[in-house]
């Protein structure tokens, strides 16, 4: 079986997603119980993205309110 060229984009996106989830879950910090491990990120990735989206929207709204004052 050979590696299909159409898999390249999917593999690149998977790598980007895993790296984003790794940092959103704070696994880059030595105090994290799963420090340095990517295990299980695929299962919790969507939850991490939703949490990050909410935090970003809240931060943007707060910044907008600060500018109005």
PDB file of N, CA and C in Angstrom:
ATOM      1  N   UNK A   1       0.849  -1.180   0.000  1.00  0.00           N
ATOM      2  CA  UNK A   1       0.000   0.000   0.000  1.00  0.00           C
ATOM      3  C   UNK A   1       0.891   1.239   0.000  1.00  0.00           C
ATOM      4  N   UNK A   2       0.555   2.193  -0.819  1.00  0.00           N
ATOM      5  CA  UNK A   2       1.338   3.415  -0.906  1.00  0.00           C
ATOM      6  C   UNK A   2       0.602   4.555  -0.224  1.00  0.00           C
ATOM      7  N   UNK A   3       1.362   5.573   0.109  1.00  0.00           N
ATOM      8  CA  UNK A   3       0.805   6.769   0.735  1.00  0.00           C
ATOM      9  C   UNK A   3       0.144   7.620  -0.338  1.00  0.00           C
ATOM     10  N   UNK A   4      -1.123   7.906  -0.176  1.00  0.00           N
ATOM     11  CA  UNK A   4      -1.864   8.669  -1.178  1.00  0.00           C
ATOM     12  C   UNK A   4      -1.655  10.167  -0.967  1.00  0.00           C
ATOM     13  N   UNK A   5      -1.480  10.877  -2.064  1.00  0.00           N
ATOM     14  CA  UNK A   5      -1.206  12.313  -1.977  1.00  0.00           C
ATOM     15  C   UNK A   5      -2.351  13.092  -1.337  1.00  0.00           C
ATOM     16  N   UNK A   6      -3.575  12.618  -1.487  1.00  0.00           N
ATOM     17  CA  UNK A   6      -4.700  13.334  -0.873  1.00  0.00           C
ATOM     18  C   UNK A   6      -4.698  13.239   0.656  1.00  0.00           C
ATOM     19  N   UNK A   7      -3.905  12.358   1.202  1.00  0.00           N
ATOM     20  CA  UNK A   7      -3.800  12.235   2.659  1.00  0.00           C
ATOM     21  C   UNK A   7      -2.900  13.313   3.257  1.00  0.00           C
ATOM     22  N   UNK A   8      -2.084  13.950   2.454  1.00  0.00           N
ATOM     23  CA  UNK A   8      -1.108  14.918   2.966  1.00  0.00           C
ATOM     24  C   UNK A   8      -1.802  16.065   3.691  1.00  0.00           C
ATOM     25  N   UNK A   9      -2.783  16.682   3.070  1.00  0.00           N
ATOM     26  CA  UNK A   9      -3.482  17.807   3.692  1.00  0.00           C
ATOM     27  C   UNK A   9      -4.161  17.386   4.992  1.00  0.00           C
ATOM     28  N   UNK A  10      -4.768  16.213   4.984  1.00  0.00           N
ATOM     29  CA  UNK A  10      -5.432  15.697   6.192  1.00  0.00           C
ATOM     30  C   UNK A  10      -4.418  15.476   7.313  1.00  0.00           C
ATOM     31  N   UNK A  11      -3.279  14.905   6.984  1.00  0.00           N
ATOM     32  CA  UNK A  11      -2.244  14.663   7.985  1.00  0.00           C
ATOM     33  C   UNK A  11      -1.673  15.963   8.540  1.00  0.00           C
ATOM     34  N   UNK A  12      -1.479  16.953   7.672  1.00  0.00           N
ATOM     35  CA  UNK A  12      -0.978  18.253   8.131  1.00  0.00           C
ATOM     36  C   UNK A  12      -1.974  18.898   9.080  1.00  0.00           C
ATOM     37  N   UNK A  13      -3.264  18.853   8.724  1.00  0.00           N
ATOM     38  CA  UNK A  13      -4.290  19.444   9.584  1.00  0.00           C
ATOM     39  C   UNK A  13      -4.376  18.715  10.919  1.00  0.00           C
ATOM     40  N   UNK A  14      -4.231  17.401  10.894  1.00  0.00           N
ATOM     41  CA  UNK A  14      -4.257  16.630  12.136  1.00  0.00           C
ATOM     42  C   UNK A  14      -3.105  17.046  13.048  1.00  0.00           C
ATOM     43  N   UNK A  15      -1.943  17.266  12.479  1.00  0.00           N
ATOM     44  CA  UNK A  15      -0.788  17.714  13.262  1.00  0.00           C
ATOM     45  C   UNK A  15      -1.014  19.087  13.872  1.00  0.00           C
ATOM     46  N   UNK A  16      -1.601  19.981  13.087  1.00  0.00           N
ATOM     47  CA  UNK A  16      -1.909  21.324  13.590  1.00  0.00           C
ATOM     48  C   UNK A  16      -2.928  21.242  14.725  1.00  0.00           C
ATOM     49  N   UNK A  17      -3.978  20.439  14.531  1.00  0.00           N
ATOM     50  CA  UNK A  17      -5.003  20.267  15.566  1.00  0.00           C
ATOM     51  C   UNK A  17      -4.408  19.700  16.849  1.00  0.00           C
ATOM     52  N   UNK A  18      -3.600  18.661  16.725  1.00  0.00           N
ATOM     53  CA  UNK A  18      -3.020  18.018  17.910  1.00  0.00           C
ATOM     54  C   UNK A  18      -2.130  18.996  18.672  1.00  0.00           C
ATOM     55  N   UNK A  19      -1.355  19.792  17.957  1.00  0.00           N
ATOM     56  CA  UNK A  19      -0.483  20.763  18.623  1.00  0.00           C
ATOM     57  C   UNK A  19      -1.302  21.833  19.339  1.00  0.00           C
ATOM     58  N   UNK A  20      -2.388  22.311  18.697  1.00  0.00           N
ATOM     59  CA  UNK A  20      -3.265  23.302  19.326  1.00  0.00           C
ATOM     60  C   UNK A  20      -3.903  22.728  20.589  1.00  0.00           C
ATOM     61  N   UNK A  21      -4.427  21.502  20.488  1.00  0.00           N
ATOM     62  CA  UNK A  21      -5.063  20.874  21.654  1.00  0.00           C
ATOM     63  C   UNK A  21      -4.061  20.620  22.767  1.00  0.00           C
ATOM     64  N   UNK A  22      -2.833  20.254  22.408  1.00  0.00           N
ATOM     65  CA  UNK A  22      -1.775  20.019  23.385  1.00  0.00           C
ATOM     66  C   UNK A  22      -1.570  21.272  24.238  1.00  0.00           C
ATOM     67  N   UNK A  23      -1.523  22.433  23.581  1.00  0.00           N
ATOM     68  CA  UNK A  23      -1.313  23.680  24.318  1.00  0.00           C
ATOM     69  C   UNK A  23      -2.577  24.150  25.032  1.00  0.00           C
ATOM     70  N   UNK A  24      -3.745  23.971  24.410  1.00  0.00           N
ATOM     71  CA  UNK A  24      -4.981  24.365  25.080  1.00  0.00           C
ATOM     72  C   UNK A  24      -5.204  23.558  26.361  1.00  0.00           C
ATOM     73  N   UNK A  25      -4.793  22.297  26.345  1.00  0.00           N
ATOM     74  CA  UNK A  25      -4.935  21.442  27.532  1.00  0.00           C
ATOM     75  C   UNK A  25      -3.797  21.660  28.525  1.00  0.00           C
ATOM     76  N   UNK A  26      -2.852  22.525  28.150  1.00  0.00           N
ATOM     77  CA  UNK A  26      -1.701  22.902  28.992  1.00  0.00           C
ATOM     78  C   UNK A  26      -0.756  21.734  29.283  1.00  0.00           C
ATOM     79  N   UNK A  27      -0.684  20.798  28.352  1.00  0.00           N
ATOM     80  CA  UNK A  27       0.201  19.643  28.526  1.00  0.00           C
ATOM     81  C   UNK A  27       1.658  20.011  28.328  1.00  0.00           C
ATOM     82  N   UNK A  28       1.929  21.217  27.880  1.00  0.00           N
ATOM     83  CA  UNK A  28       3.301  21.669  27.754  1.00  0.00           C
ATOM     84  C   UNK A  28       3.868  22.098  29.107  1.00  0.00           C
ATOM     85  N   UNK A  29       3.013  22.242  30.106  1.00  0.00           N
ATOM     86  CA  UNK A  29       3.457  22.619  31.447  1.00  0.00           C
ATOM     87  C   UNK A  29       3.853  21.382  32.245  1.00  0.00           C
ATOM     88  N   UNK A  30       4.974  21.477  32.936  1.00  0.00           N
ATOM     89  CA  UNK A  30       5.500  20.307  33.651  1.00  0.00           C
ATOM     90  C   UNK A  30       4.581  19.804  34.755  1.00  0.00           C
ATOM     91  N   UNK A  31       3.719  20.656  35.281  1.00  0.00           N
ATOM     92  CA  UNK A  31       2.822  20.241  36.347  1.00  0.00           C
ATOM     93  C   UNK A  31       1.603  19.449  35.878  1.00  0.00           C
ATOM     94  N   UNK A  32       1.381  19.397  34.594  1.00  0.00           N
ATOM     95  CA  UNK A  32       0.215  18.672  34.063  1.00  0.00           C
ATOM     96  C   UNK A  32       0.431  17.173  34.226  1.00  0.00           C
ATOM     97  N   UNK A  33      -0.621  16.461  34.629  1.00  0.00           N
ATOM     98  CA  UNK A  33      -0.481  15.017  34.879  1.00  0.00           C
ATOM     99  C   UNK A  33      -0.140  14.237  33.612  1.00  0.00           C
ATOM    100  N   UNK A  34      -0.428  14.797  32.440  1.00  0.00           N
ATOM    101  CA  UNK A  34      -0.088  14.128  31.183  1.00  0.00           C
ATOM    102  C   UNK A  34       0.922  14.962  30.386  1.00  0.00           C
ATOM    103  N   UNK A  35       1.822  15.626  31.107  1.00  0.00           N
ATOM    104  CA  UNK A  35       2.843  16.473  30.501  1.00  0.00           C
ATOM    105  C   UNK A  35       3.598  15.730  29.396  1.00  0.00           C
ATOM    106  N   UNK A  36       3.656  16.358  28.218  1.00  0.00           N
ATOM    107  CA  UNK A  36       4.419  15.795  27.114  1.00  0.00           C
ATOM    108  C   UNK A  36       3.715  14.711  26.317  1.00  0.00           C
ATOM    109  N   UNK A  37       2.502  14.338  26.703  1.00  0.00           N
ATOM    110  CA  UNK A  37       1.784  13.264  26.009  1.00  0.00           C
ATOM    111  C   UNK A  37       0.645  13.822  25.149  1.00  0.00           C
ATOM    112  N   UNK A  38       0.501  13.262  23.979  1.00  0.00           N
ATOM    113  CA  UNK A  38      -0.594  13.624  23.083  1.00  0.00           C
ATOM    114  C   UNK A  38      -1.754  12.630  23.197  1.00  0.00           C
ATOM    115  N   UNK A  39      -1.611  11.627  24.021  1.00  0.00           N
ATOM    116  CA  UNK A  39      -2.605  10.577  24.187  1.00  0.00           C
ATOM    117  C   UNK A  39      -3.955  11.149  24.603  1.00  0.00           C
ATOM    118  N   UNK A  40      -5.006  10.797  23.880  1.00  0.00           N
ATOM    119  CA  UNK A  40      -6.361  11.183  24.230  1.00  0.00           C
ATOM    120  C   UNK A  40      -6.800  12.548  23.738  1.00  0.00           C
ATOM    121  N   UNK A  41      -5.924  13.308  23.117  1.00  0.00           N
ATOM    122  CA  UNK A  41      -6.303  14.647  22.679  1.00  0.00           C
ATOM    123  C   UNK A  41      -7.379  14.621  21.596  1.00  0.00           C
ATOM    124  N   UNK A  42      -7.365  13.624  20.745  1.00  0.00           N
ATOM    125  CA  UNK A  42      -8.386  13.518  19.710  1.00  0.00           C
ATOM    126  C   UNK A  42      -9.779  13.399  20.289  1.00  0.00           C
ATOM    127  N   UNK A  43      -9.887  12.766  21.438  1.00  0.00           N
ATOM    128  CA  UNK A  43     -11.186  12.569  22.079  1.00  0.00           C
ATOM    129  C   UNK A  43     -11.710  13.840  22.751  1.00  0.00           C
ATOM    130  N   UNK A  44     -10.809  14.701  23.231  1.00  0.00           N
ATOM    131  CA  UNK A  44     -11.239  15.909  23.946  1.00  0.00           C
ATOM    132  C   UNK A  44     -11.021  17.184  23.142  1.00  0.00           C
ATOM    133  N   UNK A  45     -10.496  17.053  21.943  1.00  0.00           N
ATOM    134  CA  UNK A  45     -10.152  18.218  21.133  1.00  0.00           C
ATOM    135  C   UNK A  45     -11.306  19.157  20.861  1.00  0.00           C
ATOM    136  N   UNK A  46     -12.467  18.624  20.535  1.00  0.00           N
ATOM    137  CA  UNK A  46     -13.615  19.472  20.220  1.00  0.00           C
ATOM    138  C   UNK A  46     -14.063  20.259  21.447  1.00  0.00           C
ATOM    139  N   UNK A  47     -13.988  19.647  22.613  1.00  0.00           N
ATOM    140  CA  UNK A  47     -14.344  20.345  23.851  1.00  0.00           C
ATOM    141  C   UNK A  47     -13.350  21.473  24.134  1.00  0.00           C
ATOM    142  N   UNK A  48     -12.060  21.203  23.892  1.00  0.00           N
ATOM    143  CA  UNK A  48     -11.035  22.225  24.095  1.00  0.00           C
ATOM    144  C   UNK A  48     -11.234  23.404  23.149  1.00  0.00           C
ATOM    145  N   UNK A  49     -11.591  23.107  21.895  1.00  0.00           N
ATOM    146  CA  UNK A  49     -11.831  24.175  20.927  1.00  0.00           C
ATOM    147  C   UNK A  49     -13.023  25.033  21.326  1.00  0.00           C
ATOM    148  N   UNK A  50     -14.100  24.414  21.803  1.00  0.00           N
ATOM    149  CA  UNK A  50     -15.281  25.174  22.224  1.00  0.00           C
ATOM    150  C   UNK A  50     -14.954  26.065  23.416  1.00  0.00           C
ATOM    151  N   UNK A  51     -14.202  25.529  24.367  1.00  0.00           N
ATOM    152  CA  UNK A  51     -13.810  26.303  25.546  1.00  0.00           C
ATOM    153  C   UNK A  51     -12.940  27.476  25.127  1.00  0.00           C
ATOM    154  N   UNK A  52     -12.003  27.241  24.218  1.00  0.00           N
ATOM    155  CA  UNK A  52     -11.121  28.301  23.754  1.00  0.00           C
ATOM    156  C   UNK A  52     -11.905  29.372  23.001  1.00  0.00           C
ATOM    157  N   UNK A  53     -12.872  28.951  22.190  1.00  0.00           N
ATOM    158  CA  UNK A  53     -13.696  29.911  21.443  1.00  0.00           C
ATOM    159  C   UNK A  53     -14.478  30.800  22.406  1.00  0.00           C
ATOM    160  N   UNK A  54     -15.048  30.222  23.446  1.00  0.00           N
ATOM    161  CA  UNK A  54     -15.800  30.987  24.430  1.00  0.00           C
ATOM    162  C   UNK A  54     -14.888  31.966  25.156  1.00  0.00           C
ATOM    163  N   UNK A  55     -13.702  31.513  25.582  1.00  0.00           N
ATOM    164  CA  UNK A  55     -12.765  32.388  26.281  1.00  0.00           C
ATOM    165  C   UNK A  55     -12.301  33.536  25.389  1.00  0.00           C
ATOM    166  N   UNK A  56     -12.099  33.255  24.108  1.00  0.00           N
ATOM    167  CA  UNK A  56     -11.686  34.298  23.171  1.00  0.00           C
ATOM    168  C   UNK A  56     -12.795  35.330  22.988  1.00  0.00           C
ATOM    169  N   UNK A  57     -14.030  34.868  22.832  1.00  0.00           N
ATOM    170  CA  UNK A  57     -15.157  35.797  22.680  1.00  0.00           C
ATOM    171  C   UNK A  57     -15.339  36.656  23.923  1.00  0.00           C
ATOM    172  N   UNK A  58     -15.190  36.060  25.104  1.00  0.00           N
ATOM    173  CA  UNK A  58     -15.330  36.814  26.345  1.00  0.00           C
ATOM    174  C   UNK A  58     -14.214  37.851  26.473  1.00  0.00           C
ATOM    175  N   UNK A  59     -13.011  37.463  26.133  1.00  0.00           N
ATOM    176  CA  UNK A  59     -11.880  38.380  26.196  1.00  0.00           C
ATOM    177  C   UNK A  59     -12.054  39.540  25.224  1.00  0.00           C
ATOM    178  N   UNK A  60     -12.522  39.243  24.013  1.00  0.00           N
ATOM    179  CA  UNK A  60     -12.755  40.302  23.026  1.00  0.00           C
ATOM    180  C   UNK A  60     -13.841  41.263  23.485  1.00  0.00           C
ATOM    181  N   UNK A  61     -14.896  40.732  24.089  1.00  0.00           N
ATOM    182  CA  UNK A  61     -15.977  41.577  24.591  1.00  0.00           C
ATOM    183  C   UNK A  61     -15.472  42.468  25.724  1.00  0.00           C
ATOM    184  N   UNK A  62     -14.650  41.915  26.601  1.00  0.00           N
ATOM    185  CA  UNK A  62     -14.082  42.695  27.707  1.00  0.00           C
ATOM    186  C   UNK A  62     -13.185  43.806  27.167  1.00  0.00           C
ATOM    187  N   UNK A  63     -12.339  43.480  26.184  1.00  0.00           N
ATOM    188  CA  UNK A  63     -11.460  44.484  25.583  1.00  0.00           C
ATOM    189  C   UNK A  63     -12.265  45.596  24.913  1.00  0.00           C
ATOM    190  N   UNK A  64     -13.359  45.230  24.264  1.00  0.00           N
ATOM    191  CA  UNK A  64     -14.218  46.205  23.605  1.00  0.00           C
ATOM    192  C   UNK A  64     -14.849  47.141  24.639  1.00  0.00           C
ATOM    193  N   UNK A  65     -15.268  46.576  25.766  1.00  0.00           N
ATOM    194  CA  UNK A  65     -15.864  47.406  26.833  1.00  0.00           C
ATOM    195  C   UNK A  65     -14.831  48.355  27.439  1.00  0.00           C
ATOM    196  N   UNK A  66     -13.602  47.871  27.585  1.00  0.00           N
ATOM    197  CA  UNK A  66     -12.535  48.714  28.137  1.00  0.00           C
ATOM    198  C   UNK A  66     -12.258  49.917  27.235  1.00  0.00           C
ATOM    199  N   UNK A  67     -12.311  49.710  25.940  1.00  0.00           N
ATOM    200  CA  UNK A  67     -12.040  50.791  24.989  1.00  0.00           C
ATOM    201  C   UNK A  67     -13.139  51.844  25.011  1.00  0.00           C
ATOM    202  N   UNK A  68     -14.357  51.436  25.354  1.00  0.00           N
ATOM    203  CA  UNK A  68     -15.486  52.370  25.368  1.00  0.00           C
ATOM    204  C   UNK A  68     -15.427  53.317  26.558  1.00  0.00           C
ATOM    205  N   UNK A  69     -14.731  52.955  27.584  1.00  0.00           N
ATOM    206  CA  UNK A  69     -14.691  53.786  28.811  1.00  0.00           C
ATOM    207  C   UNK A  69     -13.706  54.890  28.706  1.00  0.00           C
TER     208      UNK A  69
END
